PDB file of N, CA and C in Angstrom:
ATOM      1  N   MET A   1      25.526 -21.007   7.607  1.00  0.00           N
ATOM      2  CA  MET A   1      24.640 -20.851   6.907  1.00  0.00           C
ATOM      3  C   MET A   1      23.802 -19.689   6.977  1.00  0.00           C
ATOM      4  N   ASN A   2      23.687 -18.886   6.051  1.00  0.00           N
ATOM      5  CA  ASN A   2      22.905 -17.137   6.010  1.00  0.00           C
ATOM      6  C   ASN A   2      20.902 -17.701   5.952  1.00  0.00           C
ATOM      7  N   ASN A   3      20.803 -17.455   6.838  1.00  0.00           N
ATOM      8  CA  ASN A   3      18.835 -17.829   6.898  1.00  0.00           C
ATOM      9  C   ASN A   3      18.535 -16.253   6.361  1.00  0.00           C
ATOM     10  N   ILE A   4      17.683 -15.888   5.468  1.00  0.00           N
ATOM     11  CA  ILE A   4      17.361 -14.704   5.336  1.00  0.00           C
ATOM     12  C   ILE A   4      16.136 -15.211   5.416  1.00  0.00           C
ATOM     13  N   ILE A   5      15.259 -13.966   5.899  1.00  0.00           N
ATOM     14  CA  ILE A   5      13.524 -14.313   6.319  1.00  0.00           C
ATOM     15  C   ILE A   5      12.958 -13.095   5.414  1.00  0.00           C
ATOM     16  N   LYS A   6      12.021 -13.090   4.655  1.00  0.00           N
ATOM     17  CA  LYS A   6      11.677 -12.315   3.848  1.00  0.00           C
ATOM     18  C   LYS A   6       9.967 -11.744   5.296  1.00  0.00           C
ATOM     19  N   ARG A   7      10.302 -10.803   5.115  1.00  0.00           N
ATOM     20  CA  ARG A   7       8.979 -10.269   6.073  1.00  0.00           C
ATOM     21  C   ARG A   7       8.065  -8.954   5.123  1.00  0.00           C
ATOM     22  N   ASP A   8       6.990  -8.878   5.669  1.00  0.00           N
ATOM     23  CA  ASP A   8       5.793  -8.177   4.684  1.00  0.00           C
ATOM     24  C   ASP A   8       6.132  -6.561   5.182  1.00  0.00           C
ATOM     25  N   PHE A   9       6.877  -6.313   6.322  1.00  0.00           N
ATOM     26  CA  PHE A   9       6.883  -5.327   7.589  1.00  0.00           C
ATOM     27  C   PHE A   9       8.660  -4.867   7.879  1.00  0.00           C
ATOM     28  N   TYR A  10       8.655  -3.363   7.933  1.00  0.00           N
ATOM     29  CA  TYR A  10       9.629  -3.093   8.831  1.00  0.00           C
ATOM     30  C   TYR A  10       9.535  -3.001   9.951  1.00  0.00           C
ATOM     31  N   THR A  11      11.092  -2.536  10.530  1.00  0.00           N
ATOM     32  CA  THR A  11      11.229  -2.322  11.880  1.00  0.00           C
ATOM     33  C   THR A  11      10.815  -0.594  11.725  1.00  0.00           C
ATOM     34  N   ALA A  12      10.922  -0.291  12.805  1.00  0.00           N
ATOM     35  CA  ALA A  12      11.378   1.722  12.689  1.00  0.00           C
ATOM     36  C   ALA A  12      13.201   1.788  12.236  1.00  0.00           C
ATOM     37  N   PRO A  13      13.713   1.380  13.263  1.00  0.00           N
ATOM     38  CA  PRO A  13      15.044   1.409  12.608  1.00  0.00           C
ATOM     39  C   PRO A  13      15.761   1.364  11.142  1.00  0.00           C
ATOM     40  N   GLU A  14      15.037  -0.274  10.791  1.00  0.00           N
ATOM     41  CA  GLU A  14      15.349  -0.502   9.373  1.00  0.00           C
ATOM     42  C   GLU A  14      14.500   0.573   8.744  1.00  0.00           C
ATOM     43  N   LEU A  15      13.108   1.099   8.732  1.00  0.00           N
ATOM     44  CA  LEU A  15      13.092   2.126   7.721  1.00  0.00           C
ATOM     45  C   LEU A  15      13.434   3.319   7.683  1.00  0.00           C
ATOM     46  N   ALA A  16      13.878   3.974   8.863  1.00  0.00           N
ATOM     47  CA  ALA A  16      14.929   5.227   8.673  1.00  0.00           C
ATOM     48  C   ALA A  16      15.629   4.745   8.190  1.00  0.00           C
ATOM     49  N   LYS A  17      16.454   3.648   8.078  1.00  0.00           N
ATOM     50  CA  LYS A  17      17.435   3.504   7.862  1.00  0.00           C
ATOM     51  C   LYS A  17      17.656   3.988   5.957  1.00  0.00           C
ATOM     52  N   GLU A  18      16.521   2.682   5.537  1.00  0.00           N
ATOM     53  CA  GLU A  18      15.554   3.252   3.909  1.00  0.00           C
ATOM     54  C   GLU A  18      15.719   4.371   3.416  1.00  0.00           C
ATOM     55  N   LEU A  19      14.576   4.893   4.438  1.00  0.00           N
ATOM     56  CA  LEU A  19      14.124   6.729   4.071  1.00  0.00           C
ATOM     57  C   LEU A  19      15.652   7.475   3.991  1.00  0.00           C
ATOM     58  N   GLY A  20      16.367   7.148   4.790  1.00  0.00           N
ATOM     59  CA  GLY A  20      17.693   7.811   5.211  1.00  0.00           C
ATOM     60  C   GLY A  20      17.032   8.825   6.217  1.00  0.00           C
ATOM     61  N   ILE A  21      16.669   9.064   7.281  1.00  0.00           N
ATOM     62  CA  ILE A  21      15.942   9.935   8.203  1.00  0.00           C
ATOM     63  C   ILE A  21      16.560   9.422   9.562  1.00  0.00           C
ATOM     64  N   SER A  22      16.684  10.156  10.922  1.00  0.00           N
ATOM     65  CA  SER A  22      16.931   9.305  11.971  1.00  0.00           C
ATOM     66  C   SER A  22      15.301   8.864  12.472  1.00  0.00           C
ATOM     67  N   ARG A  23      15.704   7.795  13.651  1.00  0.00           N
ATOM     68  CA  ARG A  23      14.915   7.318  14.147  1.00  0.00           C
ATOM     69  C   ARG A  23      13.196   8.082  14.824  1.00  0.00           C
ATOM     70  N   VAL A  24      14.315   9.173  15.461  1.00  0.00           N
ATOM     71  CA  VAL A  24      13.355  10.335  16.060  1.00  0.00           C
ATOM     72  C   VAL A  24      12.440  10.871  14.995  1.00  0.00           C
ATOM     73  N   SER A  25      13.055  10.882  13.582  1.00  0.00           N
ATOM     74  CA  SER A  25      12.085  11.796  12.711  1.00  0.00           C
ATOM     75  C   SER A  25      11.022  10.935  12.179  1.00  0.00           C
ATOM     76  N   LEU A  26      11.418   9.376  11.750  1.00  0.00           N
ATOM     77  CA  LEU A  26      10.547   8.712  11.542  1.00  0.00           C
ATOM     78  C   LEU A  26       9.224   8.634  12.694  1.00  0.00           C
ATOM     79  N   PHE A  27       9.756   8.625  14.215  1.00  0.00           N
ATOM     80  CA  PHE A  27       8.643   7.950  15.252  1.00  0.00           C
ATOM     81  C   PHE A  27       7.743   9.184  15.169  1.00  0.00           C
ATOM     82  N   TYR A  28       8.153  10.870  15.348  1.00  0.00           N
ATOM     83  CA  TYR A  28       7.152  11.806  14.855  1.00  0.00           C
ATOM     84  C   TYR A  28       6.384  11.570  13.543  1.00  0.00           C
ATOM     85  N   ARG A  29       6.806  11.313  12.271  1.00  0.00           N
ATOM     86  CA  ARG A  29       6.142  10.786  11.476  1.00  0.00           C
ATOM     87  C   ARG A  29       5.010   9.714  11.510  1.00  0.00           C
ATOM     88  N   LEU A  30       5.607   8.750  12.653  1.00  0.00           N
ATOM     89  CA  LEU A  30       4.375   7.465  12.782  1.00  0.00           C
ATOM     90  C   LEU A  30       3.623   8.288  13.884  1.00  0.00           C
ATOM     91  N   HIS A  31       3.773   9.230  14.945  1.00  0.00           N
ATOM     92  CA  HIS A  31       2.711   9.985  15.683  1.00  0.00           C
ATOM     93  C   HIS A  31       1.635  10.577  15.207  1.00  0.00           C
ATOM     94  N   ASN A  32       2.480  11.229  14.368  1.00  0.00           N
ATOM     95  CA  ASN A  32       1.418  12.426  14.224  1.00  0.00           C
ATOM     96  C   ASN A  32       0.375  11.943  12.641  1.00  0.00           C
ATOM     97  N   GLY A  33       0.526  10.570  12.152  1.00  0.00           N
ATOM     98  CA  GLY A  33      -0.042  10.056  11.069  1.00  0.00           C
ATOM     99  C   GLY A  33       0.381   9.952   9.987  1.00  0.00           C
ATOM    100  N   SER A  34       1.273  10.777   9.791  1.00  0.00           N
ATOM    101  CA  SER A  34       2.159  10.520   8.173  1.00  0.00           C
ATOM    102  C   SER A  34       2.223   9.598   8.082  1.00  0.00           C
ATOM    103  N   ILE A  35       2.679   8.535   8.669  1.00  0.00           N
ATOM    104  CA  ILE A  35       3.537   7.187   8.184  1.00  0.00           C
ATOM    105  C   ILE A  35       2.563   6.007   8.813  1.00  0.00           C
ATOM    106  N   LYS A  36       1.859   5.461   7.981  1.00  0.00           N
ATOM    107  CA  LYS A  36       0.930   4.673   9.192  1.00  0.00           C
ATOM    108  C   LYS A  36       1.785   3.197   9.527  1.00  0.00           C
ATOM    109  N   GLY A  37       2.125   3.072  10.830  1.00  0.00           N
ATOM    110  CA  GLY A  37       2.342   1.774  11.720  1.00  0.00           C
ATOM    111  C   GLY A  37       1.245   1.293  12.438  1.00  0.00           C
ATOM    112  N   GLN A  38       2.358   0.568  12.857  1.00  0.00           N
ATOM    113  CA  GLN A  38       1.552  -0.089  14.015  1.00  0.00           C
ATOM    114  C   GLN A  38       2.187  -0.739  15.502  1.00  0.00           C
ATOM    115  N   LYS A  39       2.221  -0.337  17.037  1.00  0.00           N
ATOM    116  CA  LYS A  39       2.332  -0.309  17.859  1.00  0.00           C
ATOM    117  C   LYS A  39       2.770  -2.137  17.703  1.00  0.00           C
ATOM    118  N   PHE A  40       3.476  -2.839  18.427  1.00  0.00           N
ATOM    119  CA  PHE A  40       3.867  -4.127  18.677  1.00  0.00           C
ATOM    120  C   PHE A  40       4.599  -4.124  19.891  1.00  0.00           C
ATOM    121  N   GLY A  41       3.906  -4.202  20.749  1.00  0.00           N
ATOM    122  CA  GLY A  41       4.759  -4.593  22.266  1.00  0.00           C
ATOM    123  C   GLY A  41       5.552  -2.848  22.958  1.00  0.00           C
ATOM    124  N   ARG A  42       6.477  -3.301  22.850  1.00  0.00           N
ATOM    125  CA  ARG A  42       7.288  -1.865  23.305  1.00  0.00           C
ATOM    126  C   ARG A  42       8.031  -1.029  21.481  1.00  0.00           C
ATOM    127  N   ASN A  43       7.700  -1.520  20.616  1.00  0.00           N
ATOM    128  CA  ASN A  43       8.159  -1.616  18.905  1.00  0.00           C
ATOM    129  C   ASN A  43       7.088  -1.085  18.190  1.00  0.00           C
ATOM    130  N   PHE A  44       7.358  -0.327  16.947  1.00  0.00           N
ATOM    131  CA  PHE A  44       6.594  -0.004  16.094  1.00  0.00           C
ATOM    132  C   PHE A  44       6.949  -0.883  14.983  1.00  0.00           C
ATOM    133  N   ILE A  45       6.086  -1.234  14.209  1.00  0.00           N
ATOM    134  CA  ILE A  45       5.944  -2.072  12.799  1.00  0.00           C
ATOM    135  C   ILE A  45       5.072  -1.436  11.634  1.00  0.00           C
ATOM    136  N   ILE A  46       6.041  -1.279  10.409  1.00  0.00           N
ATOM    137  CA  ILE A  46       5.059  -0.394   9.508  1.00  0.00           C
ATOM    138  C   ILE A  46       5.292  -1.537   8.106  1.00  0.00           C
ATOM    139  N   PHE A  47       4.181  -2.257   8.134  1.00  0.00           N
ATOM    140  CA  PHE A  47       3.545  -2.925   7.063  1.00  0.00           C
ATOM    141  C   PHE A  47       3.859  -2.366   5.525  1.00  0.00           C
ATOM    142  N   LYS A  48       4.816  -3.291   4.780  1.00  0.00           N
ATOM    143  CA  LYS A  48       5.423  -2.736   3.590  1.00  0.00           C
ATOM    144  C   LYS A  48       4.062  -2.544   2.402  1.00  0.00           C
ATOM    145  N   ARG A  49       2.451  -3.196   2.745  1.00  0.00           N
ATOM    146  CA  ARG A  49       1.856  -2.566   2.088  1.00  0.00           C
ATOM    147  C   ARG A  49       1.048  -1.912   2.008  1.00  0.00           C
ATOM    148  N   ASP A  50       1.784  -0.886   3.602  1.00  0.00           N
ATOM    149  CA  ASP A  50       1.129   0.167   3.709  1.00  0.00           C
ATOM    150  C   ASP A  50       1.743   1.699   3.686  1.00  0.00           C
ATOM    151  N   ILE A  51       2.631   1.100   2.867  1.00  0.00           N
ATOM    152  CA  ILE A  51       3.972   2.917   1.917  1.00  0.00           C
ATOM    153  C   ILE A  51       4.114   2.424   0.734  1.00  0.00           C
ATOM    154  N   ASP A  52       4.371   3.987   0.479  1.00  0.00           N
ATOM    155  CA  ASP A  52       5.481   3.502  -0.894  1.00  0.00           C
ATOM    156  C   ASP A  52       6.395   4.085  -0.449  1.00  0.00           C
ATOM    157  N   ILE A  53       7.226   3.841  -0.742  1.00  0.00           N
ATOM    158  CA  ILE A  53       9.344   3.851  -0.328  1.00  0.00           C
ATOM    159  C   ILE A  53       9.460   5.060  -1.027  1.00  0.00           C
ATOM    160  N   ALA A  54       9.168   4.937  -2.479  1.00  0.00           N
ATOM    161  CA  ALA A  54       9.665   5.964  -3.567  1.00  0.00           C
ATOM    162  C   ALA A  54       9.520   7.582  -2.887  1.00  0.00           C
ATOM    163  N   LYS A  55       7.554   7.175  -2.730  1.00  0.00           N
ATOM    164  CA  LYS A  55       6.937   8.349  -2.562  1.00  0.00           C
ATOM    165  C   LYS A  55       6.855   9.151  -1.195  1.00  0.00           C
ATOM    166  N   ILE A  56       7.240   8.622  -0.429  1.00  0.00           N
ATOM    167  CA  ILE A  56       7.927   9.382   0.924  1.00  0.00           C
ATOM    168  C   ILE A  56       9.160   9.344   0.828  1.00  0.00           C
ATOM    169  N   LYS A  57      10.025   9.145   0.353  1.00  0.00           N
ATOM    170  CA  LYS A  57      11.449   9.852  -0.119  1.00  0.00           C
ATOM    171  C   LYS A  57      11.581  10.873  -1.111  1.00  0.00           C
ATOM    172  N   SER A  58      10.453  11.175  -2.035  1.00  0.00           N
ATOM    173  CA  SER A  58      10.462  11.869  -2.667  1.00  0.00           C
ATOM    174  C   SER A  58       9.364  13.210  -2.175  1.00  0.00           C
ATOM    175  N   ILE A  59       8.505  13.240  -0.993  1.00  0.00           N
ATOM    176  CA  ILE A  59       8.078  13.933  -0.061  1.00  0.00           C
ATOM    177  C   ILE A  59       9.263  14.578   0.738  1.00  0.00           C
ATOM    178  N   LEU A  60      10.174  13.928   1.546  1.00  0.00           N
ATOM    179  CA  LEU A  60      11.142  13.907   2.011  1.00  0.00           C
ATOM    180  C   LEU A  60      12.471  14.987   1.915  1.00  0.00           C
ATOM    181  N   ARG A  61      12.336  14.843   0.040  1.00  0.00           N
ATOM    182  CA  ARG A  61      13.570  15.594  -0.619  1.00  0.00           C
ATOM    183  C   ARG A  61      13.146  16.897  -0.355  1.00  0.00           C
ATOM    184  N   LYS A  62      11.792  17.337  -0.423  1.00  0.00           N
ATOM    185  CA  LYS A  62      11.182  18.314  -0.968  1.00  0.00           C
ATOM    186  C   LYS A  62      11.572  20.003   0.557  1.00  0.00           C
TER     187      LYS A  62
END
């Protein structure tokens, strides 16, 4: 049985893969505030409502 859980957030590795950038690059953007994320224990989570994937991808391609 394949259980798919629908979540309202990305983990840092998931978002980095979605954007086509490295995790290190994503962490840099999280720390400087260009991508809004929340620290959750040792990890960052990025709420889907707080980001626009298409807008971020277009900025990264410039």
